[in-house]
Amino acid sequence: MRNRGSDVIIENGKVGLIQRIRHGSAYYVFPGGGVENGETPEDAAKREAFDYYTTKDSQPIHSFNFLGYRK
């Protein structure tokens, strides 16, 4: 299992999600990506948020760990 970092971005009362399509069905995920060598999950989340939303000045409000499973 690969470690990932993700952000929940809320701006003007709206939650930022990324639309993905798998097997012809759309689903939505929070922006995020895999943790690279020497990076923390928080660093990865911030890097990915910048990739999707071009914002560098966001500050985390809360951090948590989640152990997920995907088939």
N, C-alpha and C. Protein backbone atom coordinates (compact mmCIF):
# COMPACT_ATOMS: atom_id res chain seq x y z
N MET A 1 0.85 -1.17 0.00
CA MET A 1 0.00 0.00 0.00
C MET A 1 0.90 1.23 0.00
N ARG A 2 0.59 2.19 -0.84
CA ARG A 2 1.39 3.41 -0.97
C ARG A 2 0.83 4.49 -0.06
N ASN A 3 1.72 5.22 0.62
CA ASN A 3 1.29 6.35 1.43
C ASN A 3 0.89 7.51 0.53
N ARG A 4 -0.20 8.18 0.92
CA ARG A 4 -0.72 9.30 0.14
C ARG A 4 -1.00 10.47 1.06
N GLY A 5 -1.05 11.63 0.46
CA GLY A 5 -1.49 12.83 1.15
C GLY A 5 -2.63 13.43 0.36
N SER A 6 -3.66 13.89 1.02
CA SER A 6 -4.82 14.50 0.35
C SER A 6 -5.25 15.74 1.12
N ASP A 7 -5.89 16.64 0.41
CA ASP A 7 -6.43 17.86 1.00
C ASP A 7 -7.94 17.91 0.80
N VAL A 8 -8.62 18.46 1.77
CA VAL A 8 -10.01 18.85 1.60
C VAL A 8 -9.96 20.37 1.50
N ILE A 9 -10.24 20.88 0.32
CA ILE A 9 -10.14 22.32 0.08
C ILE A 9 -11.54 22.90 0.05
N ILE A 10 -11.77 23.88 0.92
CA ILE A 10 -13.06 24.56 0.99
C ILE A 10 -12.82 26.03 0.71
N GLU A 11 -13.48 26.53 -0.31
CA GLU A 11 -13.34 27.94 -0.68
C GLU A 11 -14.72 28.49 -1.01
N ASN A 12 -15.06 29.59 -0.36
CA ASN A 12 -16.37 30.22 -0.56
C ASN A 12 -17.51 29.22 -0.33
N GLY A 13 -17.34 28.35 0.66
CA GLY A 13 -18.38 27.39 1.01
C GLY A 13 -18.50 26.20 0.08
N LYS A 14 -17.57 26.06 -0.88
CA LYS A 14 -17.61 24.94 -1.83
C LYS A 14 -16.40 24.04 -1.60
N VAL A 15 -16.63 22.73 -1.72
CA VAL A 15 -15.57 21.74 -1.53
C VAL A 15 -14.97 21.39 -2.89
N GLY A 16 -13.64 21.45 -2.97
CA GLY A 16 -12.95 21.11 -4.21
C GLY A 16 -12.76 19.61 -4.36
N LEU A 17 -13.25 19.05 -5.44
CA LEU A 17 -13.11 17.62 -5.74
C LEU A 17 -12.57 17.44 -7.14
N ILE A 18 -11.97 16.29 -7.39
CA ILE A 18 -11.46 15.93 -8.70
C ILE A 18 -12.34 14.81 -9.26
N GLN A 19 -12.81 14.98 -10.50
CA GLN A 19 -13.63 13.94 -11.11
C GLN A 19 -12.71 12.95 -11.82
N ARG A 20 -12.93 11.67 -11.56
CA ARG A 20 -12.21 10.59 -12.23
C ARG A 20 -13.23 9.68 -12.88
N ILE A 21 -12.79 8.95 -13.89
CA ILE A 21 -13.68 7.99 -14.56
C ILE A 21 -12.98 6.64 -14.60
N ARG A 22 -13.67 5.62 -14.13
CA ARG A 22 -13.14 4.26 -14.14
C ARG A 22 -14.24 3.32 -14.63
N HIS A 23 -13.91 2.51 -15.60
CA HIS A 23 -14.86 1.56 -16.17
C HIS A 23 -16.14 2.26 -16.62
N GLY A 24 -16.01 3.47 -17.17
CA GLY A 24 -17.16 4.20 -17.68
C GLY A 24 -18.00 4.92 -16.65
N SER A 25 -17.63 4.83 -15.37
CA SER A 25 -18.40 5.50 -14.31
C SER A 25 -17.57 6.60 -13.68
N ALA A 26 -18.21 7.74 -13.46
CA ALA A 26 -17.53 8.87 -12.82
C ALA A 26 -17.58 8.73 -11.31
N TYR A 27 -16.52 9.16 -10.66
CA TYR A 27 -16.47 9.24 -9.20
C TYR A 27 -15.60 10.43 -8.84
N TYR A 28 -15.65 10.84 -7.59
CA TYR A 28 -14.96 12.06 -7.16
C TYR A 28 -14.02 11.75 -6.01
N VAL A 29 -12.87 12.42 -6.02
CA VAL A 29 -11.86 12.24 -4.97
C VAL A 29 -11.35 13.62 -4.53
N PHE A 30 -10.78 13.66 -3.33
CA PHE A 30 -10.10 14.86 -2.89
C PHE A 30 -8.75 14.94 -3.60
N PRO A 31 -8.26 16.13 -3.90
CA PRO A 31 -6.95 16.24 -4.55
C PRO A 31 -5.87 15.66 -3.64
N GLY A 32 -4.97 14.90 -4.22
CA GLY A 32 -3.90 14.30 -3.45
C GLY A 32 -3.05 13.42 -4.32
N GLY A 33 -2.04 12.84 -3.72
CA GLY A 33 -1.16 11.97 -4.48
C GLY A 33 -0.19 11.25 -3.57
N GLY A 34 0.63 10.43 -4.18
CA GLY A 34 1.58 9.62 -3.43
C GLY A 34 2.67 10.45 -2.79
N VAL A 35 3.14 9.97 -1.64
CA VAL A 35 4.22 10.63 -0.92
C VAL A 35 5.54 10.23 -1.57
N GLU A 36 6.35 11.22 -1.94
CA GLU A 36 7.65 10.97 -2.55
C GLU A 36 8.72 10.84 -1.47
N ASN A 37 9.89 10.29 -1.84
CA ASN A 37 10.98 10.13 -0.88
C ASN A 37 11.32 11.45 -0.21
N GLY A 38 11.44 11.42 1.12
CA GLY A 38 11.80 12.60 1.89
C GLY A 38 10.65 13.55 2.15
N GLU A 39 9.45 13.17 1.76
CA GLU A 39 8.27 14.01 1.88
C GLU A 39 7.35 13.46 2.97
N THR A 40 6.64 14.34 3.66
CA THR A 40 5.61 13.91 4.60
C THR A 40 4.28 13.87 3.86
N PRO A 41 3.27 13.18 4.39
CA PRO A 41 1.95 13.22 3.76
C PRO A 41 1.42 14.65 3.63
N GLU A 42 1.72 15.50 4.62
CA GLU A 42 1.29 16.90 4.55
C GLU A 42 1.96 17.62 3.39
N ASP A 43 3.27 17.35 3.17
CA ASP A 43 3.99 17.95 2.04
C ASP A 43 3.37 17.50 0.72
N ALA A 44 3.06 16.21 0.61
CA ALA A 44 2.46 15.67 -0.62
C ALA A 44 1.10 16.31 -0.87
N ALA A 45 0.30 16.45 0.17
CA ALA A 45 -1.02 17.05 0.02
C ALA A 45 -0.91 18.48 -0.47
N LYS A 46 0.01 19.24 0.11
CA LYS A 46 0.19 20.64 -0.29
C LYS A 46 0.68 20.74 -1.74
N ARG A 47 1.63 19.86 -2.12
CA ARG A 47 2.14 19.85 -3.49
C ARG A 47 1.02 19.56 -4.48
N GLU A 48 0.21 18.56 -4.18
CA GLU A 48 -0.88 18.20 -5.07
C GLU A 48 -1.95 19.29 -5.13
N ALA A 49 -2.23 19.92 -4.00
CA ALA A 49 -3.21 21.01 -4.00
C ALA A 49 -2.72 22.13 -4.91
N PHE A 50 -1.42 22.42 -4.88
CA PHE A 50 -0.87 23.45 -5.77
C PHE A 50 -1.02 23.03 -7.22
N ASP A 51 -0.78 21.74 -7.52
CA ASP A 51 -0.92 21.25 -8.90
C ASP A 51 -2.33 21.44 -9.43
N TYR A 52 -3.33 21.19 -8.59
CA TYR A 52 -4.72 21.28 -9.02
C TYR A 52 -5.29 22.68 -8.92
N TYR A 53 -4.89 23.42 -7.89
CA TYR A 53 -5.55 24.70 -7.61
C TYR A 53 -4.62 25.90 -7.65
N THR A 54 -3.36 25.70 -7.96
CA THR A 54 -2.34 26.76 -8.01
C THR A 54 -2.40 27.69 -6.80
N THR A 55 -2.49 27.11 -5.63
CA THR A 55 -2.46 27.89 -4.39
C THR A 55 -1.30 27.43 -3.51
N LYS A 56 -0.50 28.38 -3.05
CA LYS A 56 0.61 28.05 -2.17
C LYS A 56 0.37 28.54 -0.76
N ASP A 57 -0.64 29.36 -0.56
CA ASP A 57 -0.81 30.00 0.74
C ASP A 57 -1.84 29.31 1.64
N SER A 58 -2.27 28.11 1.30
CA SER A 58 -3.23 27.42 2.15
C SER A 58 -2.54 26.93 3.42
N GLN A 59 -3.29 26.92 4.49
CA GLN A 59 -2.78 26.45 5.78
C GLN A 59 -3.68 25.33 6.29
N PRO A 60 -3.09 24.24 6.75
CA PRO A 60 -3.91 23.14 7.27
C PRO A 60 -4.65 23.56 8.54
N ILE A 61 -5.89 23.12 8.63
CA ILE A 61 -6.70 23.36 9.82
C ILE A 61 -6.63 22.14 10.73
N HIS A 62 -6.64 20.96 10.11
CA HIS A 62 -6.63 19.72 10.88
C HIS A 62 -5.94 18.65 10.04
N SER A 63 -5.22 17.77 10.69
CA SER A 63 -4.55 16.67 10.01
C SER A 63 -4.99 15.36 10.66
N PHE A 64 -5.18 14.32 9.84
CA PHE A 64 -5.53 13.02 10.40
C PHE A 64 -4.98 11.92 9.50
N ASN A 65 -4.87 10.74 10.05
CA ASN A 65 -4.42 9.56 9.31
C ASN A 65 -5.62 8.68 9.02
N PHE A 66 -5.60 8.06 7.85
CA PHE A 66 -6.68 7.18 7.44
C PHE A 66 -6.08 5.97 6.75
N LEU A 67 -6.48 4.80 7.17
CA LEU A 67 -6.05 3.57 6.54
C LEU A 67 -7.18 3.10 5.65
N GLY A 68 -6.97 3.15 4.35
CA GLY A 68 -8.03 2.80 3.41
C GLY A 68 -7.74 1.51 2.67
N TYR A 69 -8.72 1.07 1.95
CA TYR A 69 -8.61 -0.15 1.17
C TYR A 69 -9.32 0.06 -0.15
N ARG A 70 -8.69 -0.36 -1.23
CA ARG A 70 -9.31 -0.26 -2.55
C ARG A 70 -9.14 -1.59 -3.25
N LYS A 71 -10.21 -2.07 -3.85
CA LYS A 71 -10.16 -3.34 -4.60
C LYS A 71 -9.51 -3.13 -5.93
